[in-house]
Amino acid sequence: EMLYVDRSSVTRWESGKRIPDAIMITRLADCLGVDSGTLL
């Protein structure tokens, strides 16, 4: 909900079936309170 995606997208990222693109990684970093460089 914070990222405006389906829960299934988060599930696929966490399982390694998909990798979020660079823009989404930046948004993920903001939501999770880490530097985007760490996720990249």
PDB file of all heavy atoms in Angstrom:
ATOM      1  N   GLU A   1       0.830  -1.207   0.000  1.00  0.00           N
ATOM      2  CA  GLU A   1       0.000   0.000   0.000  1.00  0.00           C
ATOM      3  C   GLU A   1       0.866   1.258   0.000  1.00  0.00           C
ATOM      4  O   GLU A   1       0.550   2.236  -0.675  1.00  0.00           O
ATOM      5  CB  GLU A   1      -0.937  -0.005   1.212  1.00  0.00           C
ATOM      6  CG  GLU A   1      -2.031  -1.045   1.110  1.00  0.00           C
ATOM      7  CD  GLU A   1      -2.810  -1.243   2.411  1.00  0.00           C
ATOM      8  OE1 GLU A   1      -2.579  -0.490   3.385  1.00  0.00           O
ATOM      9  OE2 GLU A   1      -3.639  -2.163   2.445  1.00  0.00           O
ATOM     10  N   MET A   2       1.951   1.235   0.753  1.00  0.00           N
ATOM     11  CA  MET A   2       2.858   2.381   0.806  1.00  0.00           C
ATOM     12  C   MET A   2       3.517   2.648  -0.552  1.00  0.00           C
ATOM     13  O   MET A   2       3.838   3.787  -0.887  1.00  0.00           O
ATOM     14  CB  MET A   2       3.940   2.143   1.871  1.00  0.00           C
ATOM     15  CG  MET A   2       3.404   2.084   3.289  1.00  0.00           C
ATOM     16  SD  MET A   2       4.603   1.405   4.479  1.00  0.00           S
ATOM     17  CE  MET A   2       5.815   2.708   4.553  1.00  0.00           C
ATOM     18  N   LEU A   3       3.707   1.574  -1.344  1.00  0.00           N
ATOM     19  CA  LEU A   3       4.382   1.668  -2.636  1.00  0.00           C
ATOM     20  C   LEU A   3       3.412   1.743  -3.816  1.00  0.00           C
ATOM     21  O   LEU A   3       3.839   1.873  -4.964  1.00  0.00           O
ATOM     22  CB  LEU A   3       5.312   0.463  -2.824  1.00  0.00           C
ATOM     23  CG  LEU A   3       6.465   0.363  -1.844  1.00  0.00           C
ATOM     24  CD1 LEU A   3       7.133  -1.004  -1.943  1.00  0.00           C
ATOM     25  CD2 LEU A   3       7.481   1.471  -2.101  1.00  0.00           C
ATOM     26  N   TYR A   4       2.118   1.609  -3.523  1.00  0.00           N
ATOM     27  CA  TYR A   4       1.072   1.613  -4.552  1.00  0.00           C
ATOM     28  C   TYR A   4       1.254   0.466  -5.551  1.00  0.00           C
ATOM     29  O   TYR A   4       1.176   0.637  -6.764  1.00  0.00           O
ATOM     30  CB  TYR A   4       1.022   2.959  -5.293  1.00  0.00           C
ATOM     31  CG  TYR A   4       0.856   4.110  -4.346  1.00  0.00           C
ATOM     32  CD1 TYR A   4       1.935   4.931  -4.029  1.00  0.00           C
ATOM     33  CD2 TYR A   4      -0.374   4.365  -3.749  1.00  0.00           C
ATOM     34  CE1 TYR A   4       1.795   5.981  -3.139  1.00  0.00           C
ATOM     35  CE2 TYR A   4      -0.523   5.419  -2.858  1.00  0.00           C
ATOM     36  CZ  TYR A   4       0.559   6.220  -2.551  1.00  0.00           C
ATOM     37  OH  TYR A   4       0.413   7.248  -1.668  1.00  0.00           O
ATOM     38  N   VAL A   5       1.536  -0.718  -5.001  1.00  0.00           N
ATOM     39  CA  VAL A   5       1.645  -1.937  -5.810  1.00  0.00           C
ATOM     40  C   VAL A   5       0.791  -3.020  -5.152  1.00  0.00           C
ATOM     41  O   VAL A   5       0.298  -2.840  -4.041  1.00  0.00           O
ATOM     42  CB  VAL A   5       3.119  -2.432  -5.919  1.00  0.00           C
ATOM     43  CG1 VAL A   5       3.982  -1.406  -6.619  1.00  0.00           C
ATOM     44  CG2 VAL A   5       3.703  -2.790  -4.564  1.00  0.00           C
ATOM     45  N   ASP A   6       0.623  -4.137  -5.835  1.00  0.00           N
ATOM     46  CA  ASP A   6      -0.069  -5.286  -5.253  1.00  0.00           C
ATOM     47  C   ASP A   6       0.838  -5.991  -4.257  1.00  0.00           C
ATOM     48  O   ASP A   6       2.067  -5.973  -4.400  1.00  0.00           O
ATOM     49  CB  ASP A   6      -0.458  -6.306  -6.328  1.00  0.00           C
ATOM     50  CG  ASP A   6      -1.543  -5.809  -7.255  1.00  0.00           C
ATOM     51  OD1 ASP A   6      -2.362  -4.973  -6.834  1.00  0.00           O
ATOM     52  OD2 ASP A   6      -1.565  -6.286  -8.396  1.00  0.00           O
ATOM     53  N   ARG A   7       0.243  -6.658  -3.283  1.00  0.00           N
ATOM     54  CA  ARG A   7       1.013  -7.434  -2.319  1.00  0.00           C
ATOM     55  C   ARG A   7       1.837  -8.508  -3.030  1.00  0.00           C
ATOM     56  O   ARG A   7       2.949  -8.844  -2.617  1.00  0.00           O
ATOM     57  CB  ARG A   7       0.098  -8.089  -1.278  1.00  0.00           C
ATOM     58  CG  ARG A   7       0.884  -8.782  -0.159  1.00  0.00           C
ATOM     59  CD  ARG A   7      -0.009  -9.530   0.809  1.00  0.00           C
ATOM     60  NE  ARG A   7      -0.738 -10.614   0.193  1.00  0.00           N
ATOM     61  CZ  ARG A   7      -0.214 -11.804  -0.124  1.00  0.00           C
ATOM     62  NH1 ARG A   7       1.047 -12.050   0.115  1.00  0.00           N
ATOM     63  NH2 ARG A   7      -0.959 -12.737  -0.667  1.00  0.00           N
ATOM     64  N   SER A   8       1.302  -9.032  -4.140  1.00  0.00           N
ATOM     65  CA  SER A   8       2.023 -10.074  -4.873  1.00  0.00           C
ATOM     66  C   SER A   8       3.368  -9.561  -5.402  1.00  0.00           C
ATOM     67  O   SER A   8       4.323 -10.331  -5.526  1.00  0.00           O
ATOM     68  CB  SER A   8       1.173 -10.627  -6.016  1.00  0.00           C
ATOM     69  OG  SER A   8       0.867  -9.612  -6.947  1.00  0.00           O
ATOM     70  N   SER A   9       3.473  -8.266  -5.687  1.00  0.00           N
ATOM     71  CA  SER A   9       4.756  -7.707  -6.125  1.00  0.00           C
ATOM     72  C   SER A   9       5.780  -7.814  -5.010  1.00  0.00           C
ATOM     73  O   SER A   9       6.925  -8.210  -5.238  1.00  0.00           O
ATOM     74  CB  SER A   9       4.592  -6.237  -6.530  1.00  0.00           C
ATOM     75  OG  SER A   9       3.790  -6.124  -7.669  1.00  0.00           O
ATOM     76  N   VAL A  10       5.380  -7.472  -3.791  1.00  0.00           N
ATOM     77  CA  VAL A  10       6.281  -7.570  -2.645  1.00  0.00           C
ATOM     78  C   VAL A  10       6.687  -9.027  -2.424  1.00  0.00           C
ATOM     79  O   VAL A  10       7.861  -9.332  -2.187  1.00  0.00           O
ATOM     80  CB  VAL A  10       5.629  -6.973  -1.369  1.00  0.00           C
ATOM     81  CG1 VAL A  10       6.542  -7.159  -0.160  1.00  0.00           C
ATOM     82  CG2 VAL A  10       5.296  -5.496  -1.577  1.00  0.00           C
ATOM     83  N   THR A  11       5.722  -9.928  -2.547  1.00  0.00           N
ATOM     84  CA  THR A  11       6.005 -11.361  -2.385  1.00  0.00           C
ATOM     85  C   THR A  11       7.042 -11.822  -3.408  1.00  0.00           C
ATOM     86  O   THR A  11       7.988 -12.540  -3.068  1.00  0.00           O
ATOM     87  CB  THR A  11       4.715 -12.187  -2.532  1.00  0.00           C
ATOM     88  OG1 THR A  11       3.783 -11.753  -1.547  1.00  0.00           O
ATOM     89  CG2 THR A  11       4.976 -13.668  -2.380  1.00  0.00           C
ATOM     90  N   ARG A  12       6.887 -11.420  -4.659  1.00  0.00           N
ATOM     91  CA  ARG A  12       7.835 -11.823  -5.712  1.00  0.00           C
ATOM     92  C   ARG A  12       9.219 -11.233  -5.468  1.00  0.00           C
ATOM     93  O   ARG A  12      10.224 -11.889  -5.706  1.00  0.00           O
ATOM     94  CB  ARG A  12       7.297 -11.450  -7.088  1.00  0.00           C
ATOM     95  CG  ARG A  12       6.161 -12.354  -7.550  1.00  0.00           C
ATOM     96  CD  ARG A  12       5.822 -12.144  -9.011  1.00  0.00           C
ATOM     97  NE  ARG A  12       5.266 -10.821  -9.290  1.00  0.00           N
ATOM     98  CZ  ARG A  12       3.981 -10.522  -9.269  1.00  0.00           C
ATOM     99  NH1 ARG A  12       3.091 -11.443  -9.002  1.00  0.00           N
ATOM    100  NH2 ARG A  12       3.578  -9.297  -9.536  1.00  0.00           N
ATOM    101  N   TRP A  13       9.270  -9.991  -4.981  1.00  0.00           N
ATOM    102  CA  TRP A  13      10.589  -9.402  -4.683  1.00  0.00           C
ATOM    103  C   TRP A  13      11.267 -10.175  -3.571  1.00  0.00           C
ATOM    104  O   TRP A  13      12.447 -10.490  -3.665  1.00  0.00           O
ATOM    105  CB  TRP A  13      10.455  -7.936  -4.257  1.00  0.00           C
ATOM    106  CG  TRP A  13       9.921  -7.016  -5.300  1.00  0.00           C
ATOM    107  CD1 TRP A  13      10.009  -7.159  -6.668  1.00  0.00           C
ATOM    108  CD2 TRP A  13       9.203  -5.810  -5.073  1.00  0.00           C
ATOM    109  NE1 TRP A  13       9.386  -6.113  -7.293  1.00  0.00           N
ATOM    110  CE2 TRP A  13       8.879  -5.262  -6.335  1.00  0.00           C
ATOM    111  CE3 TRP A  13       8.796  -5.132  -3.939  1.00  0.00           C
ATOM    112  CZ2 TRP A  13       8.179  -4.070  -6.483  1.00  0.00           C
ATOM    113  CZ3 TRP A  13       8.100  -3.944  -4.081  1.00  0.00           C
ATOM    114  CH2 TRP A  13       7.797  -3.425  -5.339  1.00  0.00           C
ATOM    115  N   GLU A  14      10.519 -10.463  -2.523  1.00  0.00           N
ATOM    116  CA  GLU A  14      11.118 -11.145  -1.377  1.00  0.00           C
ATOM    117  C   GLU A  14      11.518 -12.585  -1.700  1.00  0.00           C
ATOM    118  O   GLU A  14      12.469 -13.102  -1.133  1.00  0.00           O
ATOM    119  CB  GLU A  14      10.159 -11.107  -0.177  1.00  0.00           C
ATOM    120  CG  GLU A  14      10.030  -9.711   0.412  1.00  0.00           C
ATOM    121  CD  GLU A  14       9.162  -9.653   1.653  1.00  0.00           C
ATOM    122  OE1 GLU A  14       8.598 -10.692   2.070  1.00  0.00           O
ATOM    123  OE2 GLU A  14       9.035  -8.556   2.230  1.00  0.00           O
ATOM    124  N   SER A  15      10.800 -13.216  -2.615  1.00  0.00           N
ATOM    125  CA  SER A  15      11.144 -14.597  -2.982  1.00  0.00           C
ATOM    126  C   SER A  15      12.269 -14.652  -4.014  1.00  0.00           C
ATOM    127  O   SER A  15      12.816 -15.703  -4.293  1.00  0.00           O
ATOM    128  CB  SER A  15       9.916 -15.321  -3.536  1.00  0.00           C
ATOM    129  OG  SER A  15       9.549 -14.769  -4.798  1.00  0.00           O
ATOM    130  N   GLY A  16      12.596 -13.496  -4.603  1.00  0.00           N
ATOM    131  CA  GLY A  16      13.645 -13.442  -5.612  1.00  0.00           C
ATOM    132  C   GLY A  16      13.163 -13.737  -7.012  1.00  0.00           C
ATOM    133  O   GLY A  16      13.953 -13.809  -7.944  1.00  0.00           O
ATOM    134  N   LYS A  17      11.847 -13.893  -7.195  1.00  0.00           N
ATOM    135  CA  LYS A  17      11.318 -14.170  -8.534  1.00  0.00           C
ATOM    136  C   LYS A  17      11.375 -12.937  -9.427  1.00  0.00           C
ATOM    137  O   LYS A  17      11.402 -13.051 -10.648  1.00  0.00           O
ATOM    138  CB  LYS A  17       9.888 -14.682  -8.451  1.00  0.00           C
ATOM    139  CG  LYS A  17       9.790 -16.084  -7.896  1.00  0.00           C
ATOM    140  CD  LYS A  17       8.376 -16.580  -7.924  1.00  0.00           C
ATOM    141  CE  LYS A  17       8.305 -17.979  -7.361  1.00  0.00           C
ATOM    142  NZ  LYS A  17       6.933 -18.477  -7.326  1.00  0.00           N
ATOM    143  N   ARG A  18      11.358 -11.786  -8.816  1.00  0.00           N
ATOM    144  CA  ARG A  18      11.463 -10.529  -9.559  1.00  0.00           C
ATOM    145  C   ARG A  18      12.352  -9.583  -8.784  1.00  0.00           C
ATOM    146  O   ARG A  18      12.481  -9.667  -7.567  1.00  0.00           O
ATOM    147  CB  ARG A  18      10.091  -9.881  -9.741  1.00  0.00           C
ATOM    148  CG  ARG A  18       9.193 -10.694 -10.631  1.00  0.00           C
ATOM    149  CD  ARG A  18       8.419  -9.833 -11.548  1.00  0.00           C
ATOM    150  NE  ARG A  18       7.644 -10.671 -12.436  1.00  0.00           N
ATOM    151  CZ  ARG A  18       6.460 -10.353 -12.878  1.00  0.00           C
ATOM    152  NH1 ARG A  18       5.894  -9.242 -12.512  1.00  0.00           N
ATOM    153  NH2 ARG A  18       5.832 -11.145 -13.701  1.00  0.00           N
ATOM    154  N   ILE A  19      12.925  -8.637  -9.506  1.00  0.00           N
ATOM    155  CA  ILE A  19      13.752  -7.618  -8.891  1.00  0.00           C
ATOM    156  C   ILE A  19      13.113  -6.276  -9.203  1.00  0.00           C
ATOM    157  O   ILE A  19      12.811  -5.987 -10.369  1.00  0.00           O
ATOM    158  CB  ILE A  19      15.191  -7.673  -9.428  1.00  0.00           C
ATOM    159  CG1 ILE A  19      15.837  -9.009  -9.050  1.00  0.00           C
ATOM    160  CG2 ILE A  19      16.018  -6.506  -8.911  1.00  0.00           C
ATOM    161  CD1 ILE A  19      17.200  -9.223  -9.642  1.00  0.00           C
ATOM    162  N   PRO A  20      12.890  -5.446  -8.179  1.00  0.00           N
ATOM    163  CA  PRO A  20      12.298  -4.137  -8.451  1.00  0.00           C
ATOM    164  C   PRO A  20      13.244  -3.273  -9.282  1.00  0.00           C
ATOM    165  O   PRO A  20      14.468  -3.410  -9.177  1.00  0.00           O
ATOM    166  CB  PRO A  20      12.074  -3.545  -7.058  1.00  0.00           C
ATOM    167  CG  PRO A  20      12.951  -4.321  -6.141  1.00  0.00           C
ATOM    168  CD  PRO A  20      13.171  -5.658  -6.767  1.00  0.00           C
ATOM    169  N   ASP A  21      12.661  -2.383 -10.106  1.00  0.00           N
ATOM    170  CA  ASP A  21      13.513  -1.503 -10.895  1.00  0.00           C
ATOM    171  C   ASP A  21      14.121  -0.425  -9.992  1.00  0.00           C
ATOM    172  O   ASP A  21      13.801  -0.319  -8.806  1.00  0.00           O
ATOM    173  CB  ASP A  21      12.754  -0.904 -12.077  1.00  0.00           C
ATOM    174  CG  ASP A  21      11.582  -0.021 -11.670  1.00  0.00           C
ATOM    175  OD1 ASP A  21      11.586   0.542 -10.566  1.00  0.00           O
ATOM    176  OD2 ASP A  21      10.640   0.109 -12.474  1.00  0.00           O
ATOM    177  N   ALA A  22      15.010   0.397 -10.551  1.00  0.00           N
ATOM    178  CA  ALA A  22      15.757   1.384  -9.756  1.00  0.00           C
ATOM    179  C   ALA A  22      14.837   2.388  -9.070  1.00  0.00           C
ATOM    180  O   ALA A  22      15.081   2.770  -7.918  1.00  0.00           O
ATOM    181  CB  ALA A  22      16.773   2.096 -10.640  1.00  0.00           C
ATOM    182  N   ILE A  23      13.789   2.829  -9.743  1.00  0.00           N
ATOM    183  CA  ILE A  23      12.856   3.786  -9.136  1.00  0.00           C
ATOM    184  C   ILE A  23      12.155   3.151  -7.946  1.00  0.00           C
ATOM    185  O   ILE A  23      12.033   3.757  -6.876  1.00  0.00           O
ATOM    186  CB  ILE A  23      11.845   4.296 -10.181  1.00  0.00           C
ATOM    187  CG1 ILE A  23      12.566   5.137 -11.230  1.00  0.00           C
ATOM    188  CG2 ILE A  23      10.721   5.092  -9.524  1.00  0.00           C
ATOM    189  CD1 ILE A  23      11.751   5.482 -12.445  1.00  0.00           C
ATOM    190  N   MET A  24      11.725   1.905  -8.109  1.00  0.00           N
ATOM    191  CA  MET A  24      11.039   1.222  -7.019  1.00  0.00           C
ATOM    192  C   MET A  24      11.995   0.945  -5.855  1.00  0.00           C
ATOM    193  O   MET A  24      11.601   1.003  -4.695  1.00  0.00           O
ATOM    194  CB  MET A  24      10.402  -0.086  -7.515  1.00  0.00           C
ATOM    195  CG  MET A  24       9.510  -0.738  -6.483  1.00  0.00           C
ATOM    196  SD  MET A  24       8.157   0.321  -5.874  1.00  0.00           S
ATOM    197  CE  MET A  24       7.118   0.416  -7.321  1.00  0.00           C
ATOM    198  N   ILE A  25      13.259   0.672  -6.163  1.00  0.00           N
ATOM    199  CA  ILE A  25      14.238   0.459  -5.089  1.00  0.00           C
ATOM    200  C   ILE A  25      14.384   1.735  -4.265  1.00  0.00           C
ATOM    201  O   ILE A  25      14.465   1.685  -3.037  1.00  0.00           O
ATOM    202  CB  ILE A  25      15.591  -0.018  -5.664  1.00  0.00           C
ATOM    203  CG1 ILE A  25      15.451  -1.476  -6.119  1.00  0.00           C
ATOM    204  CG2 ILE A  25      16.709   0.123  -4.641  1.00  0.00           C
ATOM    205  CD1 ILE A  25      16.662  -2.059  -6.761  1.00  0.00           C
ATOM    206  N   THR A  26      14.387   2.882  -4.921  1.00  0.00           N
ATOM    207  CA  THR A  26      14.457   4.160  -4.205  1.00  0.00           C
ATOM    208  C   THR A  26      13.240   4.339  -3.302  1.00  0.00           C
ATOM    209  O   THR A  26      13.366   4.742  -2.140  1.00  0.00           O
ATOM    210  CB  THR A  26      14.561   5.326  -5.206  1.00  0.00           C
ATOM    211  OG1 THR A  26      15.718   5.129  -6.022  1.00  0.00           O
ATOM    212  CG2 THR A  26      14.663   6.661  -4.498  1.00  0.00           C
ATOM    213  N   ARG A  27      12.063   4.012  -3.818  1.00  0.00           N
ATOM    214  CA  ARG A  27      10.841   4.120  -3.010  1.00  0.00           C
ATOM    215  C   ARG A  27      10.846   3.112  -1.866  1.00  0.00           C
ATOM    216  O   ARG A  27      10.429   3.425  -0.744  1.00  0.00           O
ATOM    217  CB  ARG A  27       9.614   3.926  -3.910  1.00  0.00           C
ATOM    218  CG  ARG A  27       9.432   5.101  -4.883  1.00  0.00           C
ATOM    219  CD  ARG A  27       8.354   4.892  -5.905  1.00  0.00           C
ATOM    220  NE  ARG A  27       7.050   4.703  -5.285  1.00  0.00           N
ATOM    221  CZ  ARG A  27       5.990   4.202  -5.921  1.00  0.00           C
ATOM    222  NH1 ARG A  27       6.095   3.853  -7.197  1.00  0.00           N
ATOM    223  NH2 ARG A  27       4.848   4.053  -5.304  1.00  0.00           N
ATOM    224  N   LEU A  28      11.326   1.899  -2.124  1.00  0.00           N
ATOM    225  CA  LEU A  28      11.448   0.886  -1.074  1.00  0.00           C
ATOM    226  C   LEU A  28      12.373   1.377   0.038  1.00  0.00           C
ATOM    227  O   LEU A  28      12.072   1.228   1.220  1.00  0.00           O
ATOM    228  CB  LEU A  28      12.013  -0.419  -1.657  1.00  0.00           C
ATOM    229  CG  LEU A  28      11.049  -1.455  -2.179  1.00  0.00           C
ATOM    230  CD1 LEU A  28      11.778  -2.482  -3.033  1.00  0.00           C
ATOM    231  CD2 LEU A  28      10.303  -2.123  -1.057  1.00  0.00           C
ATOM    232  N   ALA A  29      13.509   1.951  -0.370  1.00  0.00           N
ATOM    233  CA  ALA A  29      14.471   2.448   0.614  1.00  0.00           C
ATOM    234  C   ALA A  29      13.822   3.502   1.513  1.00  0.00           C
ATOM    235  O   ALA A  29      14.009   3.482   2.736  1.00  0.00           O
ATOM    236  CB  ALA A  29      15.699   3.016  -0.090  1.00  0.00           C
ATOM    237  N   ASP A  30      13.051   4.415   0.930  1.00  0.00           N
ATOM    238  CA  ASP A  30      12.363   5.437   1.723  1.00  0.00           C
ATOM    239  C   ASP A  30      11.392   4.802   2.712  1.00  0.00           C
ATOM    240  O   ASP A  30      11.364   5.176   3.886  1.00  0.00           O
ATOM    241  CB  ASP A  30      11.605   6.412   0.816  1.00  0.00           C
ATOM    242  CG  ASP A  30      12.530   7.327   0.026  1.00  0.00           C
ATOM    243  OD1 ASP A  30      13.714   7.461   0.411  1.00  0.00           O
ATOM    244  OD2 ASP A  30      12.070   7.907  -0.983  1.00  0.00           O
ATOM    245  N   CYS A  31      10.609   3.839   2.247  1.00  0.00           N
ATOM    246  CA  CYS A  31       9.619   3.184   3.107  1.00  0.00           C
ATOM    247  C   CYS A  31      10.271   2.364   4.226  1.00  0.00           C
ATOM    248  O   CYS A  31       9.733   2.269   5.323  1.00  0.00           O
ATOM    249  CB  CYS A  31       8.710   2.271   2.285  1.00  0.00           C
ATOM    250  SG  CYS A  31       7.606   3.156   1.178  1.00  0.00           S
ATOM    251  N   LEU A  32      11.436   1.775   3.918  1.00  0.00           N
ATOM    252  CA  LEU A  32      12.096   0.910   4.892  1.00  0.00           C
ATOM    253  C   LEU A  32      13.146   1.638   5.725  1.00  0.00           C
ATOM    254  O   LEU A  32      13.781   1.047   6.593  1.00  0.00           O
ATOM    255  CB  LEU A  32      12.718  -0.297   4.176  1.00  0.00           C
ATOM    256  CG  LEU A  32      11.723  -1.201   3.453  1.00  0.00           C
ATOM    257  CD1 LEU A  32      12.448  -2.245   2.618  1.00  0.00           C
ATOM    258  CD2 LEU A  32      10.770  -1.866   4.443  1.00  0.00           C
ATOM    259  N   GLY A  33      13.337   2.944   5.448  1.00  0.00           N
ATOM    260  CA  GLY A  33      14.234   3.755   6.250  1.00  0.00           C
ATOM    261  C   GLY A  33      15.704   3.453   6.078  1.00  0.00           C
ATOM    262  O   GLY A  33      16.476   3.513   7.031  1.00  0.00           O
ATOM    263  N   VAL A  34      16.093   3.107   4.843  1.00  0.00           N
ATOM    264  CA  VAL A  34      17.507   2.866   4.564  1.00  0.00           C
ATOM    265  C   VAL A  34      17.926   3.710   3.367  1.00  0.00           C
ATOM    266  O   VAL A  34      17.099   4.226   2.628  1.00  0.00           O
ATOM    267  CB  VAL A  34      17.812   1.369   4.276  1.00  0.00           C
ATOM    268  CG1 VAL A  34      17.548   0.521   5.492  1.00  0.00           C
ATOM    269  CG2 VAL A  34      17.052   0.865   3.075  1.00  0.00           C
ATOM    270  N   ASP A  35      19.218   3.820   3.176  1.00  0.00           N
ATOM    271  CA  ASP A  35      19.761   4.531   2.028  1.00  0.00           C
ATOM    272  C   ASP A  35      19.501   3.709   0.765  1.00  0.00           C
ATOM    273  O   ASP A  35      19.677   2.485   0.769  1.00  0.00           O
ATOM    274  CB  ASP A  35      21.268   4.738   2.245  1.00  0.00           C
ATOM    275  CG  ASP A  35      21.924   5.447   1.088  1.00  0.00           C
ATOM    276  OD1 ASP A  35      21.583   6.619   0.862  1.00  0.00           O
ATOM    277  OD2 ASP A  35      22.763   4.820   0.421  1.00  0.00           O
ATOM    278  N   SER A  36      19.081   4.368  -0.306  1.00  0.00           N
ATOM    279  CA  SER A  36      18.790   3.629  -1.542  1.00  0.00           C
ATOM    280  C   SER A  36      20.039   2.939  -2.083  1.00  0.00           C
ATOM    281  O   SER A  36      19.952   1.882  -2.704  1.00  0.00           O
ATOM    282  CB  SER A  36      18.177   4.544  -2.596  1.00  0.00           C
ATOM    283  OG  SER A  36      19.051   5.600  -2.914  1.00  0.00           O
ATOM    284  N   GLY A  37      21.221   3.507  -1.818  1.00  0.00           N
ATOM    285  CA  GLY A  37      22.465   2.879  -2.254  1.00  0.00           C
ATOM    286  C   GLY A  37      22.670   1.507  -1.631  1.00  0.00           C
ATOM    287  O   GLY A  37      23.227   0.604  -2.255  1.00  0.00           O
ATOM    288  N   THR A  38      22.179   1.350  -0.403  1.00  0.00           N
ATOM    289  CA  THR A  38      22.288   0.058   0.279  1.00  0.00           C
ATOM    290  C   THR A  38      21.477  -0.997  -0.466  1.00  0.00           C
ATOM    291  O   THR A  38      21.956  -2.111  -0.694  1.00  0.00           O
ATOM    292  CB  THR A  38      21.789   0.177   1.735  1.00  0.00           C
ATOM    293  OG1 THR A  38      22.523   1.205   2.381  1.00  0.00           O
ATOM    294  CG2 THR A  38      21.956  -1.123   2.484  1.00  0.00           C
ATOM    295  N   LEU A  39      20.240  -0.641  -0.848  1.00  0.00           N
ATOM    296  CA  LEU A  39      19.411  -1.598  -1.589  1.00  0.00           C
ATOM    297  C   LEU A  39      19.963  -1.828  -2.986  1.00  0.00           C
ATOM    298  O   LEU A  39      19.955  -2.957  -3.482  1.00  0.00           O
ATOM    299  CB  LEU A  39      17.962  -1.116  -1.662  1.00  0.00           C
ATOM    300  CG  LEU A  39      17.124  -1.270  -0.410  1.00  0.00           C
ATOM    301  CD1 LEU A  39      15.694  -0.782  -0.658  1.00  0.00           C
ATOM    302  CD2 LEU A  39      17.097  -2.694   0.084  1.00  0.00           C
ATOM    303  N   LEU A  40      20.438  -0.770  -3.649  1.00  0.00           N
ATOM    304  CA  LEU A  40      21.018  -0.944  -4.985  1.00  0.00           C
ATOM    305  C   LEU A  40      22.246  -1.842  -4.928  1.00  0.00           C
ATOM    306  O   LEU A  40      22.473  -2.649  -5.820  1.00  0.00           O
ATOM    307  CB  LEU A  40      21.367   0.411  -5.600  1.00  0.00           C
ATOM    308  CG  LEU A  40      20.179   1.218  -6.111  1.00  0.00           C
ATOM    309  CD1 LEU A  40      20.608   2.634  -6.457  1.00  0.00           C
ATOM    310  CD2 LEU A  40      19.532   0.545  -7.303  1.00  0.00           C
TER     311      LEU A  40
END
